Protein backbone atom coordinates (compact mmCIF):
# COMPACT_ATOMS: atom_id res chain seq x y z
CA MET A 1 -7.05 9.09 -10.42
CA ILE A 2 -8.18 8.70 -6.82
CA GLY A 3 -11.24 6.85 -5.56
CA ALA A 4 -12.73 5.80 -2.25
CA GLY A 5 -15.32 3.27 -1.13
CA ALA A 6 -17.89 2.63 -3.87
CA TYR A 7 -15.74 4.57 -6.33
CA GLY A 8 -13.28 1.67 -6.48
CA LEU A 9 -15.00 -0.63 -9.01
CA PRO A 10 -15.89 1.90 -11.73
CA LEU A 11 -12.60 3.71 -11.15
CA ALA A 12 -10.67 0.49 -11.74
CA ALA A 13 -12.63 -0.18 -14.92
CA HIS A 14 -11.96 3.35 -16.18
CA ALA A 15 -8.26 3.02 -15.36
CA ARG A 16 -8.13 -0.31 -17.19
CA ASP A 17 -9.63 1.20 -20.35
CA THR A 18 -7.62 4.44 -20.33
CA GLY A 19 -4.25 3.24 -19.05
CA HIS A 20 -4.37 5.48 -15.96
CA VAL A 21 -3.14 4.31 -12.56
CA ALA A 22 -6.03 3.98 -10.08
CA ILE A 23 -5.43 4.87 -6.43
CA GLN A 24 -7.88 3.57 -3.84
CA MET A 25 -7.98 5.92 -0.85
CA SER A 26 -10.35 6.00 2.11
CA GLY A 27 -12.69 8.95 2.49
CA ALA A 28 -10.98 9.91 5.76
CA THR A 29 -7.57 9.95 4.07
CA GLN A 30 -8.95 12.13 1.27
CA LEU A 31 -10.12 14.61 3.89
CA LEU A 32 -6.69 14.51 5.53
CA PHE A 33 -4.99 15.46 2.28
CA GLY A 34 -7.67 17.98 1.31
CA ILE A 35 -8.74 16.03 -1.77
CA LYS A 36 -12.29 16.64 -2.94
CA GLY A 37 -13.53 13.70 -4.96
CA ARG A 38 -16.11 13.70 -7.74
CA ARG A 39 -19.04 11.33 -7.74
CA TRP A 40 -18.46 8.53 -10.24
CA ASP A 41 -22.18 8.20 -10.99
CA THR A 42 -22.24 11.74 -12.44
CA HIS A 43 -19.03 11.32 -14.43
CA PRO A 44 -19.88 11.00 -18.15
CA GLN A 45 -17.36 8.21 -18.77
CA ILE A 46 -16.90 6.39 -15.47
CA SER A 47 -20.63 6.07 -14.76
CA LYS A 48 -21.07 4.00 -17.94
CA LEU A 49 -18.50 1.47 -16.74
CA TYR A 50 -20.22 0.52 -13.49
CA ASN A 51 -21.92 -2.86 -13.75
CA PRO A 52 -24.47 -3.67 -10.99
CA ALA A 53 -23.86 -7.38 -11.65
CA TRP A 54 -20.42 -6.98 -10.07
CA VAL A 55 -21.87 -6.96 -6.57
CA ARG A 56 -24.61 -8.64 -4.55
CA PRO A 57 -25.79 -8.38 -0.92
CA ALA A 58 -23.50 -10.27 1.46
CA PRO A 59 -24.99 -13.45 2.99
CA ALA A 60 -26.46 -13.15 6.48
CA ASN A 61 -23.97 -13.40 9.37
CA SER A 62 -20.99 -12.94 7.07
CA PRO A 63 -18.34 -10.21 7.30
CA GLN A 64 -18.57 -7.34 4.84
CA GLN A 65 -16.65 -7.91 1.65
CA ALA A 66 -15.08 -5.66 -0.98
CA GLY A 67 -17.48 -3.03 -2.17
CA GLY A 68 -18.49 -1.81 1.31
CA GLY A 69 -21.95 -1.46 2.80
CA GLY A 70 -22.43 -5.23 3.12
CA TRP A 71 -21.93 -5.91 -0.59
CA GLN A 72 -19.78 -8.67 -2.05
CA LEU A 73 -17.54 -8.54 -5.10
CA LEU A 74 -18.62 -11.19 -7.61
CA VAL A 75 -15.86 -10.87 -10.17
CA GLU A 76 -12.14 -11.13 -9.66
CA PRO A 77 -10.37 -8.10 -11.21
CA ALA A 78 -7.71 -8.93 -13.78
CA PRO A 79 -4.22 -8.58 -12.22
CA LEU A 80 -2.41 -5.40 -13.14
CA LYS A 81 1.27 -6.03 -13.81
CA LEU A 82 3.53 -3.07 -13.21
CA ARG A 83 6.98 -2.08 -14.39
CA TYR A 84 9.09 0.63 -12.86
CA ASN A 85 10.68 2.68 -15.63
CA LYS A 86 13.63 4.43 -13.99
CA PRO A 87 14.58 6.83 -16.84
CA SER A 88 11.11 8.36 -16.91
CA ALA A 89 10.34 7.68 -13.23
CA ARG A 90 6.91 6.23 -14.01
CA ILE A 91 5.00 3.09 -13.16
CA GLN A 92 3.26 1.75 -16.23
CA MET A 93 1.30 -1.30 -17.30
CA CYS A 94 3.13 -3.90 -19.33
CA LYS A 95 2.98 -7.59 -20.22
CA GLY A 96 5.67 -8.71 -17.79
CA ALA A 97 6.77 -7.26 -14.46
CA VAL A 98 10.43 -6.83 -13.59
CA SER A 99 12.03 -6.98 -10.18
CA MET A 100 11.56 -3.98 -7.90
CA LYS A 101 13.31 -3.05 -4.71
CA ILE A 102 10.72 -2.14 -2.07
CA LEU A 103 11.19 -0.68 1.40
CA MET A 104 8.24 -1.42 3.69
CA ILE A 105 8.16 0.63 6.92
CA SER A 106 6.09 -0.57 9.88
CA ASN A 107 5.95 0.02 13.65
CA HIS A 108 7.18 -3.17 15.37
CA LEU A 109 7.30 -6.93 14.88
CA GLY A 110 4.77 -7.87 17.57
CA VAL A 111 1.84 -10.01 16.45
CA GLN A 112 -0.59 -7.93 18.54
CA SER A 113 0.02 -4.84 16.40
CA GLY A 114 -2.83 -4.35 13.92
CA VAL A 115 -0.53 -2.39 11.60
CA GLN A 116 2.10 -5.12 11.60
CA ARG A 117 -0.47 -7.89 11.06
CA TYR A 118 -1.72 -5.96 8.02
CA VAL A 119 1.85 -5.60 6.73
CA GLN A 120 2.50 -9.31 7.32
CA ASN A 121 -0.63 -10.34 5.39
CA LEU A 122 0.38 -7.99 2.58
CA LEU A 123 3.92 -9.35 2.33
CA LEU A 124 2.98 -13.02 2.62
CA ASN A 125 0.62 -12.59 -0.34
CA LEU A 126 3.22 -10.79 -2.46
CA ASP A 127 5.27 -12.67 -5.05
CA LEU A 128 8.61 -12.34 -3.27
CA THR A 129 10.42 -14.08 -6.13
CA ARG A 130 9.80 -10.97 -8.24
CA TYR A 131 10.20 -8.25 -5.62
CA GLN A 132 13.04 -7.61 -3.20
CA VAL A 133 11.45 -6.41 0.03
CA ASP A 134 13.22 -4.83 3.00
CA LEU A 135 11.03 -4.45 6.09
CA PHE A 136 12.22 -1.55 8.26
CA VAL A 137 10.56 -2.14 11.61
CA GLY A 138 10.91 -1.83 15.38
CA LEU A 139 11.99 -4.78 17.48
CA CYS A 140 9.30 -7.06 18.86
CA PRO A 141 8.05 -6.04 22.34
CA PRO A 142 9.17 -8.57 24.99
CA ASP A 143 5.59 -9.49 25.91
CA GLN A 144 4.54 -10.46 22.36
CA ALA A 145 5.31 -13.18 19.84
CA SER A 146 7.22 -12.03 16.77
CA CYS A 147 6.18 -11.97 13.10
CA ALA A 148 9.83 -12.23 12.05
CA PRO A 149 10.15 -16.03 11.55
CA ALA A 150 7.24 -16.26 9.10
CA LEU A 151 8.38 -13.20 7.15
CA GLU A 152 12.03 -14.27 6.93
CA ALA A 153 10.99 -17.77 5.84
CA ALA A 154 9.02 -16.17 2.99
CA GLY A 155 12.04 -14.16 1.84
CA VAL A 156 11.54 -10.76 3.49
CA HIS A 157 14.75 -9.05 4.65
CA ILE A 158 14.10 -7.52 8.08
CA ILE A 159 15.91 -4.39 9.24
CA ALA A 160 15.10 -4.33 12.96
CA VAL A 161 15.66 -1.10 14.91
CA PRO A 162 14.73 0.06 18.45
CA ASP A 163 10.97 0.17 19.06
CA ASN A 164 10.89 3.90 19.72
CA LYS A 165 9.52 6.54 17.34
CA LYS A 166 12.46 8.95 17.54
CA ALA A 167 15.02 6.14 17.39
CA ARG A 168 13.26 4.61 14.36
CA ILE A 169 13.29 7.93 12.51
CA ARG A 170 16.99 8.47 13.22
CA ALA A 171 17.75 4.92 12.08
CA LEU A 172 15.63 5.40 8.94
CA TYR A 173 17.55 8.58 8.11
CA GLN A 174 20.88 6.77 8.42
CA HIS A 175 19.61 3.82 6.35
CA LEU A 176 18.29 5.94 3.47
CA LYS A 177 21.49 8.00 3.34
CA THR A 178 23.29 4.89 2.10
CA HIS A 179 20.40 3.03 0.39
CA LYS A 180 18.93 5.37 -2.22
CA ASP A 181 18.08 2.72 -4.80
CA TYR A 182 14.57 1.80 -3.65
CA ASP A 183 11.93 1.84 -6.38
CA ILE A 184 9.06 2.03 -3.88
CA ILE A 185 8.89 3.12 -0.24
CA HIS A 186 5.65 2.00 1.44
CA TYR A 187 5.26 3.84 4.74
CA HIS A 188 2.69 2.65 7.31
CA THR A 189 1.98 5.24 9.99
CA ALA A 190 -0.66 6.25 12.50
CA SER A 191 1.12 9.37 13.73
CA LYS A 192 1.24 13.03 12.70
CA ILE A 193 5.02 12.80 12.74
CA GLY A 194 4.67 10.89 9.47
CA ALA A 195 4.38 14.15 7.48
CA PRO A 196 7.96 15.39 8.07
CA VAL A 197 9.22 11.82 7.67
CA CYS A 198 7.74 11.80 4.16
CA GLY A 199 9.67 14.97 3.37
CA MET A 200 12.86 13.35 4.63
CA MET A 201 12.28 10.26 2.46
CA ARG A 202 11.68 12.40 -0.62
CA VAL A 203 14.95 14.31 -0.11
CA LEU A 204 17.00 11.17 0.53
CA CYS A 205 15.37 9.02 -2.19
CA PRO A 206 14.24 11.48 -4.89
CA HIS A 207 13.50 8.77 -7.48
CA ALA A 208 11.45 6.44 -5.27
CA LYS A 209 7.67 6.20 -5.46
CA ILE A 210 6.44 6.92 -1.92
CA ILE A 211 3.20 5.33 -0.70
CA VAL A 212 1.85 6.54 2.64
CA HIS A 213 -0.72 4.30 4.33
CA SER A 214 -2.52 6.13 7.13
CA HIS A 215 -3.82 3.60 9.68
C-alpha cells in the first residue's frame, strides 16, 4: 500500500486495521516510479477511516507540520513494531521487535550535506540498542565539520570510503560481496546512477529489504 501527502493518515489507519504495511512516498517519487495512486477519499474503506479531528491549521508563523498544507498532526500514531522473518522474507507486525542488521548508505559525512543531516537525525532517533546499523558513507570533505563523532557515540558503525561516486560504488560492491547478511539496506541517493546500484544490491543481497530514498 503506497500513499503520498494527505494519503498518509487514512492509509496508516487502514494499514493498522488490515495488517498491511503502509509506505509513505512523495508524489514526485510516485511519478518517478510510474505509480498511479488512487484517491483515498473515494476509496470505500479508507475514506471511512479519515478523522478530521486528527489535524488542525498550524499556528501563525510556525513551520508546516505533518499532514502538509499548513496542517498539524494532533494525535501521535501508535508505534509499529516490526520483525524480520528470514524464512519467509517478510516484515510483519508483532508484539516485540528483534534485532535487525541495517546498512544505511549516504553521500558523505559533512554536516553541510542535507542528505547526511537527514540520515544523522534518522539514526540518532533510532533505538540503536535493538538495531545494528552500519553507515556506508563518503569521507568528510576537508572544509566541513564531520557528523562521525556524534554517530559513533550513539553506536553507529561507520564504513568510510572515498567521497567520489564511482569510488563509493566500487567500494559498496566489494563490501556487499562479503557482507550479505543485511536485513535492510536503506539507500539515500539524489542521482540517476542509483537505479543500476539498486540492481547490484539486489543481486549481491537477494534476501535484504531494499529501501530507496530519493532526495
